[in-house]
Amino acid sequence: MNNREYNIPKNFMRRQEDYIAARTGLLSRWTTQIPLSIMVAMASWMDVPERRINRAQDIALALGAAISSGRPNLVEAPITNA
């Protein structure tokens, strides 16, 4: 699921008391977003089949095709924070 944010490193840094950004609140201003195309580009670079899901009803079909291929796949599902 791609929410276009760097939440894994942001959440890690929030738990680090010695990080200045965590102590001063600067971390909350870290809003750089990942372009949607970067995941697809990385998959292509690694010769991994990729597909983007834009409709919830397409998830099962895409995951089924990825699993049945017998190799790694990228199935990207862009999400928004409502």
Protein backbone atom coordinates (compact mmCIF):
# COMPACT_ATOMS: atom_id res chain seq x y z
CA MET A 1 0.00 0.00 0.00
CA ASN A 2 1.47 3.31 -1.03
CA ASN A 3 0.32 6.32 0.99
CA ARG A 4 3.13 8.47 -0.50
CA GLU A 5 4.79 9.10 2.86
CA TYR A 6 7.96 7.97 4.57
CA ASN A 7 6.09 6.57 7.58
CA ILE A 8 8.53 3.76 8.47
CA PRO A 9 11.52 6.08 9.04
CA LYS A 10 9.28 8.76 10.56
CA ASN A 11 7.86 6.31 13.10
CA PHE A 12 11.33 4.96 13.88
CA MET A 13 12.65 8.46 14.56
CA ARG A 14 9.68 9.30 16.76
CA ARG A 15 10.79 6.52 19.12
CA GLN A 16 14.39 7.82 19.33
CA GLU A 17 14.68 10.25 22.23
CA ASP A 18 18.18 11.35 21.16
CA TYR A 19 17.03 12.54 17.70
CA ILE A 20 16.73 16.32 17.69
CA ALA A 21 13.76 16.21 15.33
CA ALA A 22 11.89 13.95 17.74
CA ARG A 23 12.58 16.28 20.70
CA THR A 24 11.84 19.57 18.92
CA GLY A 25 8.81 18.62 16.84
CA LEU A 26 10.65 19.15 13.54
CA LEU A 27 9.73 15.63 12.52
CA SER A 28 6.10 16.63 12.11
CA ARG A 29 7.18 18.96 9.30
CA TRP A 30 8.81 16.13 7.35
CA THR A 31 6.17 15.79 4.65
CA THR A 32 8.27 14.82 1.64
CA GLN A 33 6.21 12.46 -0.43
CA ILE A 34 7.30 9.49 -2.51
CA PRO A 35 6.24 9.92 -6.14
CA LEU A 36 3.90 7.11 -7.15
CA SER A 37 6.13 6.24 -10.11
CA ILE A 38 9.23 5.46 -8.00
CA MET A 39 7.94 2.07 -6.85
CA VAL A 40 7.16 1.05 -10.42
CA ALA A 41 10.58 2.27 -11.58
CA MET A 42 12.34 0.28 -8.86
CA ALA A 43 10.44 -2.88 -9.79
CA SER A 44 11.31 -2.41 -13.45
CA TRP A 45 14.98 -1.87 -12.58
CA MET A 46 15.00 -5.17 -10.66
CA ASP A 47 13.12 -7.01 -13.46
CA VAL A 48 10.13 -7.55 -11.18
CA PRO A 49 6.71 -7.57 -12.82
CA GLU A 50 4.62 -4.71 -11.53
CA ARG A 51 1.05 -3.54 -11.63
CA ARG A 52 -0.82 -0.71 -9.99
CA ILE A 53 -4.28 -1.19 -8.54
CA ASN A 54 -6.53 1.84 -8.69
CA ARG A 55 -9.83 0.14 -7.84
CA ALA A 56 -10.55 -2.05 -4.84
CA GLN A 57 -12.35 -4.61 -7.00
CA ASP A 58 -9.11 -5.26 -8.93
CA ILE A 59 -7.04 -6.32 -5.91
CA ALA A 60 -7.97 -10.02 -5.89
CA LEU A 61 -7.27 -10.46 -9.60
CA ALA A 62 -3.91 -8.69 -9.40
CA LEU A 63 -2.78 -10.61 -6.31
CA GLY A 64 -3.91 -13.90 -7.85
CA ALA A 65 -1.89 -13.22 -11.00
CA ALA A 66 1.15 -12.19 -8.95
CA ILE A 67 1.02 -15.31 -6.76
CA SER A 68 0.44 -17.68 -9.66
CA SER A 69 3.46 -16.26 -11.51
CA GLY A 70 5.68 -17.99 -8.96
CA ARG A 71 8.07 -15.06 -8.73
CA PRO A 72 8.31 -11.76 -6.86
CA ASN A 73 5.88 -9.08 -8.03
CA LEU A 74 5.04 -5.53 -7.07
CA VAL A 75 1.34 -4.90 -6.68
CA GLU A 76 0.97 -1.24 -5.78
CA ALA A 77 -2.23 0.04 -4.23
CA PRO A 78 -2.18 3.82 -3.85
CA ILE A 79 -4.13 4.93 -0.79
CA THR A 80 -5.04 8.32 0.58
CA ASN A 81 -5.31 9.53 4.13
CA ALA A 82 -8.94 10.51 4.45
